Amino acid sequence: DIRNFSAIAEDCEPELVVKFVNIYFDLQTRIIEANRGVVDKFNGDQIMAIFQGPRMVENAVSAAIDIQRNVNKLNRQRAATGEITFELGIGINQGFAVMGNMGSKNRMDYTAVGDVVNIANRLCSLARSGQIITEYNFARMLNGNFNITRLDAIMVKGRSKPVEISEIVYEQERAG
């Protein structure tokens, strides 16, 4: 999800916003696919991706880290020429979901639905620029292959118990 997107969109012509967003979406899509993921949908300034298979957890985290690093690199290049830059927050979760065609009889989309998707969306909303946030149980599945920092639990709308969360820690380089 792009941070401060509304403020940027307010100051730009819609055609330029689409052009800039597509540059970042293209970069993220290539990285997701290179890490054996599939883009489920583009929703405004957000991408939803799905990873499956025996290495889905590691692939999702590798994609997220690659995305953050490559967006930072792109931002340095764009900032050097005075172009608009975007920063991203990423939320990742793992669990069971229903996948299939959903919608109306006149329009269907293939997607995933379930609590796991809702929590991933909440984590994405929580993540600050450059952050990768996961549910703590997800982070524990990484078996020490990535650096994680446990964060304070959060309350999520519609849930009676707090959600334990973690941050995937990687070296962050900022534009500017």
N, C-alpha and C. Protein backbone atom coordinates (compact mmCIF):
# COMPACT_ATOMS: atom_id res chain seq x y z
N ASP A 1 0.85 -1.17 0.00
CA ASP A 1 0.00 0.00 0.00
C ASP A 1 0.90 1.23 0.00
N ILE A 2 0.59 2.20 -0.85
CA ILE A 2 1.38 3.43 -0.94
C ILE A 2 1.02 4.36 0.21
N ARG A 3 2.02 4.86 0.89
CA ARG A 3 1.81 5.80 1.99
C ARG A 3 1.64 7.21 1.46
N ASN A 4 0.76 7.97 2.11
CA ASN A 4 0.46 9.36 1.76
C ASN A 4 -0.04 9.51 0.33
N PHE A 5 -0.70 8.48 -0.16
CA PHE A 5 -1.17 8.49 -1.55
C PHE A 5 -2.20 9.59 -1.80
N SER A 6 -3.14 9.76 -0.89
CA SER A 6 -4.20 10.76 -1.09
C SER A 6 -3.62 12.16 -1.24
N ALA A 7 -2.63 12.49 -0.42
CA ALA A 7 -2.01 13.82 -0.51
C ALA A 7 -1.30 14.01 -1.84
N ILE A 8 -0.61 12.96 -2.30
CA ILE A 8 0.08 13.04 -3.59
C ILE A 8 -0.94 13.16 -4.72
N ALA A 9 -1.98 12.33 -4.67
CA ALA A 9 -3.01 12.35 -5.72
C ALA A 9 -3.74 13.69 -5.78
N GLU A 10 -3.88 14.34 -4.65
CA GLU A 10 -4.57 15.63 -4.59
C GLU A 10 -3.82 16.69 -5.39
N ASP A 11 -2.49 16.59 -5.43
CA ASP A 11 -1.66 17.61 -6.07
C ASP A 11 -1.28 17.28 -7.51
N CYS A 12 -1.71 16.14 -8.04
CA CYS A 12 -1.33 15.72 -9.39
C CYS A 12 -2.54 15.52 -10.28
N GLU A 13 -2.31 15.66 -11.57
CA GLU A 13 -3.35 15.33 -12.53
C GLU A 13 -3.60 13.82 -12.49
N PRO A 14 -4.85 13.37 -12.61
CA PRO A 14 -5.15 11.94 -12.52
C PRO A 14 -4.34 11.07 -13.49
N GLU A 15 -4.09 11.58 -14.71
CA GLU A 15 -3.32 10.80 -15.67
C GLU A 15 -1.89 10.56 -15.19
N LEU A 16 -1.30 11.57 -14.54
CA LEU A 16 0.04 11.41 -14.00
C LEU A 16 0.05 10.44 -12.82
N VAL A 17 -0.98 10.50 -11.99
CA VAL A 17 -1.07 9.57 -10.86
C VAL A 17 -1.09 8.14 -11.37
N VAL A 18 -1.90 7.87 -12.39
CA VAL A 18 -1.98 6.52 -12.96
C VAL A 18 -0.63 6.12 -13.53
N LYS A 19 0.02 7.03 -14.23
CA LYS A 19 1.34 6.73 -14.82
C LYS A 19 2.34 6.36 -13.73
N PHE A 20 2.40 7.15 -12.65
CA PHE A 20 3.35 6.89 -11.57
C PHE A 20 3.02 5.60 -10.82
N VAL A 21 1.75 5.39 -10.51
CA VAL A 21 1.34 4.18 -9.80
C VAL A 21 1.69 2.94 -10.63
N ASN A 22 1.47 3.02 -11.94
CA ASN A 22 1.78 1.87 -12.80
C ASN A 22 3.26 1.53 -12.81
N ILE A 23 4.12 2.54 -12.69
CA ILE A 23 5.57 2.28 -12.62
C ILE A 23 5.87 1.43 -11.38
N TYR A 24 5.29 1.81 -10.25
CA TYR A 24 5.51 1.08 -9.00
C TYR A 24 4.81 -0.29 -9.02
N PHE A 25 3.61 -0.35 -9.58
CA PHE A 25 2.91 -1.64 -9.67
C PHE A 25 3.68 -2.62 -10.55
N ASP A 26 4.25 -2.13 -11.65
CA ASP A 26 5.01 -3.00 -12.54
C ASP A 26 6.22 -3.58 -11.81
N LEU A 27 6.94 -2.73 -11.09
CA LEU A 27 8.10 -3.19 -10.33
C LEU A 27 7.69 -4.26 -9.31
N GLN A 28 6.64 -3.98 -8.55
CA GLN A 28 6.19 -4.93 -7.52
C GLN A 28 5.71 -6.24 -8.13
N THR A 29 5.00 -6.16 -9.24
CA THR A 29 4.48 -7.37 -9.89
C THR A 29 5.61 -8.27 -10.35
N ARG A 30 6.64 -7.68 -10.96
CA ARG A 30 7.78 -8.48 -11.40
C ARG A 30 8.46 -9.17 -10.22
N ILE A 31 8.57 -8.48 -9.11
CA ILE A 31 9.21 -9.07 -7.92
C ILE A 31 8.33 -10.17 -7.32
N ILE A 32 7.05 -9.93 -7.23
CA ILE A 32 6.11 -10.94 -6.71
C ILE A 32 6.20 -12.21 -7.55
N GLU A 33 6.14 -12.06 -8.86
CA GLU A 33 6.19 -13.22 -9.75
C GLU A 33 7.55 -13.92 -9.69
N ALA A 34 8.63 -13.16 -9.56
CA ALA A 34 9.97 -13.76 -9.45
C ALA A 34 10.10 -14.59 -8.17
N ASN A 35 9.29 -14.27 -7.17
CA ASN A 35 9.30 -15.00 -5.91
C ASN A 35 8.13 -15.98 -5.81
N ARG A 36 7.64 -16.41 -6.97
CA ARG A 36 6.60 -17.44 -7.08
C ARG A 36 5.24 -17.04 -6.50
N GLY A 37 4.96 -15.75 -6.53
CA GLY A 37 3.66 -15.26 -6.09
C GLY A 37 2.81 -14.89 -7.29
N VAL A 38 1.55 -14.63 -7.02
CA VAL A 38 0.60 -14.22 -8.05
C VAL A 38 -0.10 -12.95 -7.57
N VAL A 39 -0.18 -11.95 -8.44
CA VAL A 39 -0.96 -10.76 -8.10
C VAL A 39 -2.43 -11.12 -8.21
N ASP A 40 -3.13 -11.01 -7.09
CA ASP A 40 -4.57 -11.27 -7.06
C ASP A 40 -5.33 -10.07 -7.62
N LYS A 41 -4.95 -8.88 -7.17
CA LYS A 41 -5.65 -7.69 -7.66
C LYS A 41 -4.87 -6.42 -7.35
N PHE A 42 -5.19 -5.41 -8.13
CA PHE A 42 -4.76 -4.05 -7.86
C PHE A 42 -6.00 -3.34 -7.33
N ASN A 43 -5.88 -2.76 -6.15
CA ASN A 43 -7.03 -2.11 -5.53
C ASN A 43 -6.63 -0.69 -5.13
N GLY A 44 -6.95 0.27 -5.98
CA GLY A 44 -6.51 1.63 -5.72
C GLY A 44 -5.00 1.71 -5.78
N ASP A 45 -4.39 2.05 -4.65
CA ASP A 45 -2.92 2.14 -4.58
C ASP A 45 -2.32 0.93 -3.87
N GLN A 46 -3.04 -0.18 -3.86
CA GLN A 46 -2.61 -1.37 -3.13
C GLN A 46 -2.60 -2.59 -4.06
N ILE A 47 -1.65 -3.49 -3.79
CA ILE A 47 -1.59 -4.78 -4.49
C ILE A 47 -1.87 -5.88 -3.48
N MET A 48 -2.70 -6.84 -3.88
CA MET A 48 -2.88 -8.04 -3.08
C MET A 48 -2.26 -9.20 -3.85
N ALA A 49 -1.33 -9.89 -3.19
CA ALA A 49 -0.63 -11.01 -3.82
C ALA A 49 -0.87 -12.28 -3.01
N ILE A 50 -0.82 -13.41 -3.68
CA ILE A 50 -1.01 -14.70 -3.04
C ILE A 50 0.21 -15.57 -3.32
N PHE A 51 0.69 -16.22 -2.28
CA PHE A 51 1.80 -17.17 -2.38
C PHE A 51 1.29 -18.51 -1.89
N GLN A 52 1.59 -19.57 -2.63
CA GLN A 52 1.18 -20.91 -2.24
C GLN A 52 2.37 -21.86 -2.34
N GLY A 53 2.21 -23.03 -1.78
CA GLY A 53 3.24 -24.05 -1.90
C GLY A 53 4.08 -24.17 -0.64
N PRO A 54 5.02 -25.12 -0.65
CA PRO A 54 5.79 -25.42 0.55
C PRO A 54 6.70 -24.28 1.03
N ARG A 55 7.09 -23.37 0.14
CA ARG A 55 7.97 -22.25 0.53
C ARG A 55 7.23 -20.91 0.49
N MET A 56 5.92 -20.95 0.62
CA MET A 56 5.13 -19.72 0.48
C MET A 56 5.52 -18.66 1.51
N VAL A 57 5.81 -19.06 2.73
CA VAL A 57 6.16 -18.09 3.76
C VAL A 57 7.47 -17.38 3.41
N GLU A 58 8.50 -18.15 3.10
CA GLU A 58 9.79 -17.55 2.73
C GLU A 58 9.68 -16.74 1.45
N ASN A 59 8.91 -17.24 0.47
CA ASN A 59 8.75 -16.51 -0.80
C ASN A 59 8.05 -15.17 -0.58
N ALA A 60 7.04 -15.16 0.27
CA ALA A 60 6.31 -13.91 0.54
C ALA A 60 7.23 -12.89 1.21
N VAL A 61 8.01 -13.33 2.18
CA VAL A 61 8.92 -12.41 2.88
C VAL A 61 10.03 -11.94 1.94
N SER A 62 10.58 -12.86 1.15
CA SER A 62 11.61 -12.45 0.19
C SER A 62 11.08 -11.42 -0.79
N ALA A 63 9.86 -11.63 -1.26
CA ALA A 63 9.24 -10.66 -2.17
C ALA A 63 9.07 -9.31 -1.49
N ALA A 64 8.59 -9.31 -0.25
CA ALA A 64 8.37 -8.06 0.47
C ALA A 64 9.68 -7.29 0.66
N ILE A 65 10.73 -8.00 1.05
CA ILE A 65 12.03 -7.35 1.23
C ILE A 65 12.56 -6.84 -0.10
N ASP A 66 12.46 -7.65 -1.15
CA ASP A 66 12.90 -7.21 -2.48
C ASP A 66 12.12 -5.99 -2.95
N ILE A 67 10.83 -5.98 -2.68
CA ILE A 67 10.00 -4.82 -3.06
C ILE A 67 10.49 -3.58 -2.33
N GLN A 68 10.65 -3.67 -1.02
CA GLN A 68 11.08 -2.48 -0.27
C GLN A 68 12.45 -1.99 -0.75
N ARG A 69 13.38 -2.89 -0.94
CA ARG A 69 14.72 -2.48 -1.40
C ARG A 69 14.67 -1.86 -2.79
N ASN A 70 13.93 -2.47 -3.70
CA ASN A 70 13.86 -1.95 -5.07
C ASN A 70 13.07 -0.67 -5.17
N VAL A 71 12.05 -0.50 -4.35
CA VAL A 71 11.32 0.78 -4.31
C VAL A 71 12.24 1.87 -3.79
N ASN A 72 13.03 1.56 -2.78
CA ASN A 72 13.99 2.55 -2.27
C ASN A 72 14.99 2.95 -3.36
N LYS A 73 15.47 1.98 -4.12
CA LYS A 73 16.41 2.26 -5.23
C LYS A 73 15.72 3.13 -6.29
N LEU A 74 14.49 2.75 -6.67
CA LEU A 74 13.72 3.54 -7.64
C LEU A 74 13.49 4.95 -7.12
N ASN A 75 13.19 5.08 -5.84
CA ASN A 75 12.95 6.40 -5.26
C ASN A 75 14.20 7.27 -5.31
N ARG A 76 15.37 6.69 -5.07
CA ARG A 76 16.61 7.47 -5.17
C ARG A 76 16.79 7.99 -6.60
N GLN A 77 16.54 7.13 -7.58
CA GLN A 77 16.67 7.54 -8.99
C GLN A 77 15.66 8.64 -9.33
N ARG A 78 14.42 8.47 -8.90
CA ARG A 78 13.38 9.44 -9.22
C ARG A 78 13.61 10.76 -8.48
N ALA A 79 14.03 10.68 -7.22
CA ALA A 79 14.28 11.90 -6.44
C ALA A 79 15.43 12.71 -7.05
N ALA A 80 16.41 12.02 -7.62
CA ALA A 80 17.56 12.70 -8.23
C ALA A 80 17.15 13.55 -9.42
N THR A 81 16.04 13.18 -10.06
CA THR A 81 15.55 13.94 -11.22
C THR A 81 14.32 14.77 -10.88
N GLY A 82 14.00 14.86 -9.59
CA GLY A 82 12.89 15.69 -9.15
C GLY A 82 11.51 15.09 -9.36
N GLU A 83 11.46 13.79 -9.60
CA GLU A 83 10.17 13.14 -9.84
C GLU A 83 9.51 12.72 -8.52
N ILE A 84 8.20 12.54 -8.60
CA ILE A 84 7.43 12.08 -7.43
C ILE A 84 7.86 10.67 -7.07
N THR A 85 7.97 10.42 -5.76
CA THR A 85 8.31 9.09 -5.26
C THR A 85 7.19 8.59 -4.36
N PHE A 86 7.09 7.28 -4.25
CA PHE A 86 6.11 6.64 -3.38
C PHE A 86 6.86 5.75 -2.39
N GLU A 87 6.36 5.70 -1.17
CA GLU A 87 6.88 4.77 -0.18
C GLU A 87 5.76 3.80 0.18
N LEU A 88 6.15 2.57 0.53
CA LEU A 88 5.18 1.51 0.74
C LEU A 88 5.23 0.96 2.16
N GLY A 89 4.08 0.51 2.63
CA GLY A 89 3.97 -0.31 3.83
C GLY A 89 3.43 -1.65 3.38
N ILE A 90 3.93 -2.73 3.95
CA ILE A 90 3.53 -4.08 3.53
C ILE A 90 3.04 -4.88 4.73
N GLY A 91 1.91 -5.56 4.56
CA GLY A 91 1.40 -6.48 5.56
C GLY A 91 1.34 -7.88 4.97
N ILE A 92 1.77 -8.88 5.75
CA ILE A 92 1.78 -10.27 5.28
C ILE A 92 1.11 -11.14 6.33
N ASN A 93 0.31 -12.09 5.86
CA ASN A 93 -0.29 -13.06 6.77
C ASN A 93 -0.38 -14.39 6.06
N GLN A 94 -0.60 -15.44 6.83
CA GLN A 94 -0.67 -16.80 6.30
C GLN A 94 -1.80 -17.52 6.99
N GLY A 95 -2.53 -18.29 6.21
CA GLY A 95 -3.62 -19.08 6.78
C GLY A 95 -4.56 -19.57 5.71
N PHE A 96 -5.71 -20.05 6.16
CA PHE A 96 -6.69 -20.60 5.24
C PHE A 96 -7.64 -19.52 4.74
N ALA A 97 -7.95 -19.61 3.46
CA ALA A 97 -8.89 -18.69 2.83
C ALA A 97 -9.67 -19.46 1.77
N VAL A 98 -10.79 -18.92 1.39
CA VAL A 98 -11.54 -19.47 0.28
C VAL A 98 -11.10 -18.71 -0.96
N MET A 99 -10.70 -19.47 -1.99
CA MET A 99 -10.28 -18.84 -3.24
C MET A 99 -11.23 -19.29 -4.34
N GLY A 100 -11.65 -18.33 -5.14
CA GLY A 100 -12.53 -18.67 -6.25
C GLY A 100 -13.16 -17.44 -6.84
N ASN A 101 -14.06 -17.67 -7.78
CA ASN A 101 -14.78 -16.58 -8.42
C ASN A 101 -15.87 -16.07 -7.49
N MET A 102 -15.88 -14.75 -7.28
CA MET A 102 -16.87 -14.13 -6.41
C MET A 102 -17.38 -12.87 -7.07
N GLY A 103 -18.62 -12.54 -6.77
CA GLY A 103 -19.19 -11.32 -7.31
C GLY A 103 -20.66 -11.50 -7.61
N SER A 104 -21.09 -10.92 -8.70
CA SER A 104 -22.48 -11.01 -9.11
C SER A 104 -22.57 -11.86 -10.37
N LYS A 105 -23.77 -12.12 -10.81
CA LYS A 105 -23.90 -12.94 -12.02
C LYS A 105 -23.42 -12.21 -13.26
N ASN A 106 -23.29 -10.87 -13.19
CA ASN A 106 -22.81 -10.10 -14.34
C ASN A 106 -21.32 -9.75 -14.28
N ARG A 107 -20.72 -9.90 -13.12
CA ARG A 107 -19.29 -9.58 -12.98
C ARG A 107 -18.69 -10.41 -11.86
N MET A 108 -17.65 -11.16 -12.22
CA MET A 108 -16.97 -12.02 -11.25
C MET A 108 -15.48 -11.69 -11.24
N ASP A 109 -14.87 -11.83 -10.08
CA ASP A 109 -13.43 -11.71 -9.93
C ASP A 109 -12.94 -12.94 -9.17
N TYR A 110 -11.79 -13.46 -9.58
CA TYR A 110 -11.15 -14.53 -8.84
C TYR A 110 -10.37 -13.88 -7.70
N THR A 111 -10.59 -14.32 -6.47
CA THR A 111 -9.93 -13.71 -5.32
C THR A 111 -9.89 -14.66 -4.15
N ALA A 112 -9.32 -14.20 -3.07
CA ALA A 112 -9.28 -14.94 -1.81
C ALA A 112 -10.04 -14.15 -0.76
N VAL A 113 -10.80 -14.87 0.06
CA VAL A 113 -11.60 -14.24 1.11
C VAL A 113 -11.43 -15.04 2.39
N GLY A 114 -11.32 -14.35 3.50
CA GLY A 114 -11.25 -15.00 4.79
C GLY A 114 -10.60 -14.11 5.82
N ASP A 115 -10.63 -14.57 7.05
CA ASP A 115 -10.04 -13.82 8.15
C ASP A 115 -8.57 -13.51 7.90
N VAL A 116 -7.85 -14.45 7.32
CA VAL A 116 -6.42 -14.27 7.04
C VAL A 116 -6.20 -13.07 6.10
N VAL A 117 -7.09 -12.89 5.15
CA VAL A 117 -6.99 -11.77 4.21
C VAL A 117 -7.31 -10.46 4.94
N ASN A 118 -8.34 -10.49 5.78
CA ASN A 118 -8.71 -9.29 6.54
C ASN A 118 -7.57 -8.84 7.45
N ILE A 119 -6.93 -9.78 8.13
CA ILE A 119 -5.82 -9.44 9.02
C ILE A 119 -4.64 -8.89 8.21
N ALA A 120 -4.34 -9.51 7.08
CA ALA A 120 -3.25 -9.01 6.23
C ALA A 120 -3.52 -7.56 5.82
N ASN A 121 -4.75 -7.25 5.49
CA ASN A 121 -5.11 -5.88 5.11
C ASN A 121 -4.93 -4.92 6.29
N ARG A 122 -5.30 -5.34 7.48
CA ARG A 122 -5.12 -4.50 8.67
C ARG A 122 -3.62 -4.28 8.94
N LEU A 123 -2.83 -5.34 8.78
CA LEU A 123 -1.39 -5.21 8.98
C LEU A 123 -0.77 -4.25 7.97
N CYS A 124 -1.26 -4.34 6.74
CA CYS A 124 -0.77 -3.43 5.69
C CYS A 124 -1.10 -1.99 6.05
N SER A 125 -2.30 -1.75 6.54
CA SER A 125 -2.70 -0.39 6.94
C SER A 125 -1.85 0.13 8.09
N LEU A 126 -1.43 -0.77 8.96
CA LEU A 126 -0.63 -0.41 10.13
C LEU A 126 0.83 -0.10 9.76
N ALA A 127 1.34 -0.77 8.75
CA ALA A 127 2.76 -0.63 8.39
C ALA A 127 3.09 0.79 7.94
N ARG A 128 4.15 1.32 8.50
CA ARG A 128 4.64 2.64 8.09
C ARG A 128 5.48 2.49 6.83
N SER A 129 5.89 3.62 6.28
CA SER A 129 6.75 3.61 5.09
C SER A 129 7.97 2.74 5.34
N GLY A 130 8.21 1.80 4.43
CA GLY A 130 9.37 0.93 4.53
C GLY A 130 9.20 -0.27 5.44
N GLN A 131 8.09 -0.36 6.15
CA GLN A 131 7.89 -1.46 7.10
C GLN A 131 7.23 -2.67 6.45
N ILE A 132 7.55 -3.84 7.01
CA ILE A 132 6.89 -5.10 6.66
C ILE A 132 6.38 -5.68 7.96
N ILE A 133 5.06 -5.76 8.10
CA ILE A 133 4.42 -6.23 9.33
C ILE A 133 3.75 -7.57 9.07
N THR A 134 3.92 -8.51 10.01
CA THR A 134 3.29 -9.82 9.91
C THR A 134 2.63 -10.18 11.23
N GLU A 135 1.75 -11.15 11.18
CA GLU A 135 1.24 -11.73 12.41
C GLU A 135 2.41 -12.48 13.05
N TYR A 136 2.50 -12.48 14.38
CA TYR A 136 3.65 -13.07 15.06
C TYR A 136 3.80 -14.56 14.74
N ASN A 137 2.71 -15.30 14.66
CA ASN A 137 2.79 -16.73 14.34
C ASN A 137 3.38 -16.95 12.95
N PHE A 138 3.09 -16.05 12.02
CA PHE A 138 3.70 -16.11 10.69
C PHE A 138 5.21 -15.95 10.81
N ALA A 139 5.63 -14.93 11.55
CA ALA A 139 7.06 -14.66 11.71
C ALA A 139 7.79 -15.84 12.34
N ARG A 140 7.14 -16.54 13.26
CA ARG A 140 7.78 -17.70 13.90
C ARG A 140 8.01 -18.83 12.90
N MET A 141 7.23 -18.89 11.82
CA MET A 141 7.39 -19.92 10.80
C MET A 141 8.67 -19.73 9.98
N LEU A 142 9.32 -18.59 10.13
CA LEU A 142 10.52 -18.30 9.35
C LEU A 142 11.76 -19.00 9.88
N ASN A 143 11.66 -19.62 11.04
CA ASN A 143 12.73 -20.45 11.61
C ASN A 143 14.09 -19.74 11.66
N GLY A 144 14.08 -18.46 11.96
CA GLY A 144 15.34 -17.75 12.10
C GLY A 144 16.00 -17.36 10.79
N ASN A 145 15.34 -17.60 9.66
CA ASN A 145 15.93 -17.26 8.36
C ASN A 145 15.88 -15.76 8.06
N PHE A 146 15.06 -15.02 8.80
CA PHE A 146 14.94 -13.58 8.63
C PHE A 146 14.95 -12.95 10.02
N ASN A 147 15.37 -11.70 10.11
CA ASN A 147 15.35 -11.00 11.38
C ASN A 147 13.95 -10.47 11.64
N ILE A 148 13.44 -10.74 12.84
CA ILE A 148 12.12 -10.24 13.21
C ILE A 148 12.20 -9.52 14.54
N THR A 149 11.32 -8.57 14.71
CA THR A 149 11.17 -7.87 15.98
C THR A 149 9.71 -7.98 16.38
N ARG A 150 9.48 -8.49 17.57
CA ARG A 150 8.10 -8.60 18.05
C ARG A 150 7.62 -7.20 18.45
N LEU A 151 6.42 -6.86 18.04
CA LEU A 151 5.83 -5.57 18.34
C LEU A 151 4.69 -5.75 19.33
N ASP A 152 4.17 -4.65 19.83
CA ASP A 152 3.02 -4.71 20.72
C ASP A 152 1.81 -5.25 19.96
N ALA A 153 1.02 -6.05 20.65
CA ALA A 153 -0.21 -6.60 20.06
C ALA A 153 -1.15 -5.45 19.71
N ILE A 154 -1.99 -5.69 18.73
CA ILE A 154 -2.95 -4.67 18.31
C ILE A 154 -4.37 -5.22 18.41
N MET A 155 -5.30 -4.34 18.62
CA MET A 155 -6.71 -4.72 18.57
C MET A 155 -7.19 -4.49 17.14
N VAL A 156 -7.94 -5.45 16.62
CA VAL A 156 -8.45 -5.38 15.26
C VAL A 156 -9.97 -5.36 15.32
N LYS A 157 -10.55 -4.45 14.56
CA LYS A 157 -12.00 -4.33 14.51
C LYS A 157 -12.63 -5.69 14.21
N GLY A 158 -13.63 -6.06 14.98
CA GLY A 158 -14.34 -7.31 14.77
C GLY A 158 -13.73 -8.50 15.49
N ARG A 159 -12.61 -8.29 16.17
CA ARG A 159 -11.94 -9.37 16.91
C ARG A 159 -12.01 -9.06 18.40
N SER A 160 -12.22 -10.09 19.22
CA SER A 160 -12.31 -9.88 20.66
C SER A 160 -10.94 -9.94 21.34
N LYS A 161 -9.95 -10.59 20.71
CA LYS A 161 -8.63 -10.72 21.29
C LYS A 161 -7.61 -9.95 20.45
N PRO A 162 -6.56 -9.44 21.09
CA PRO A 162 -5.53 -8.73 20.32
C PRO A 162 -4.78 -9.67 19.38
N VAL A 163 -4.22 -9.10 18.33
CA VAL A 163 -3.42 -9.84 17.36
C VAL A 163 -1.96 -9.56 17.66
N GLU A 164 -1.19 -10.63 17.87
CA GLU A 164 0.24 -10.52 18.12
C GLU A 164 0.92 -10.25 16.77
N ILE A 165 1.80 -9.25 16.72
CA ILE A 165 2.42 -8.88 15.45
C ILE A 165 3.94 -8.75 15.58
N SER A 166 4.60 -8.79 14.42
CA SER A 166 6.05 -8.65 14.32
C SER A 166 6.39 -7.83 13.09
N GLU A 167 7.61 -7.31 13.11
CA GLU A 167 8.15 -6.62 11.95
C GLU A 167 9.30 -7.44 11.38
N ILE A 168 9.31 -7.59 10.07
CA ILE A 168 10.46 -8.19 9.39
C ILE A 168 11.49 -7.08 9.26
N VAL A 169 12.66 -7.30 9.84
CA VAL A 169 13.69 -6.27 9.86
C VAL A 169 14.69 -6.54 8.73
N TYR A 170 14.94 -5.54 7.95
CA TYR A 170 15.93 -5.60 6.87
C TYR A 170 16.58 -4.24 6.84
N GLU A 171 17.71 -4.11 6.19
CA GLU A 171 18.37 -2.81 6.14
C GLU A 171 17.58 -1.90 5.21
N GLN A 172 17.16 -0.77 5.75
CA GLN A 172 16.37 0.17 4.97
C GLN A 172 17.25 1.32 4.51
N GLU A 173 17.10 1.65 3.25
CA GLU A 173 17.79 2.81 2.71
C GLU A 173 16.70 3.77 2.26
N ARG A 174 16.81 4.99 2.65
CA ARG A 174 15.79 6.00 2.33
C ARG A 174 16.24 6.89 1.18
N ALA A 175 15.26 7.30 0.38
CA ALA A 175 15.55 8.27 -0.69
C ALA A 175 15.82 9.62 -0.05
N GLY A 176 16.60 10.43 -0.74
CA GLY A 176 16.66 11.77 -0.32
C GLY A 176 17.83 12.33 0.25
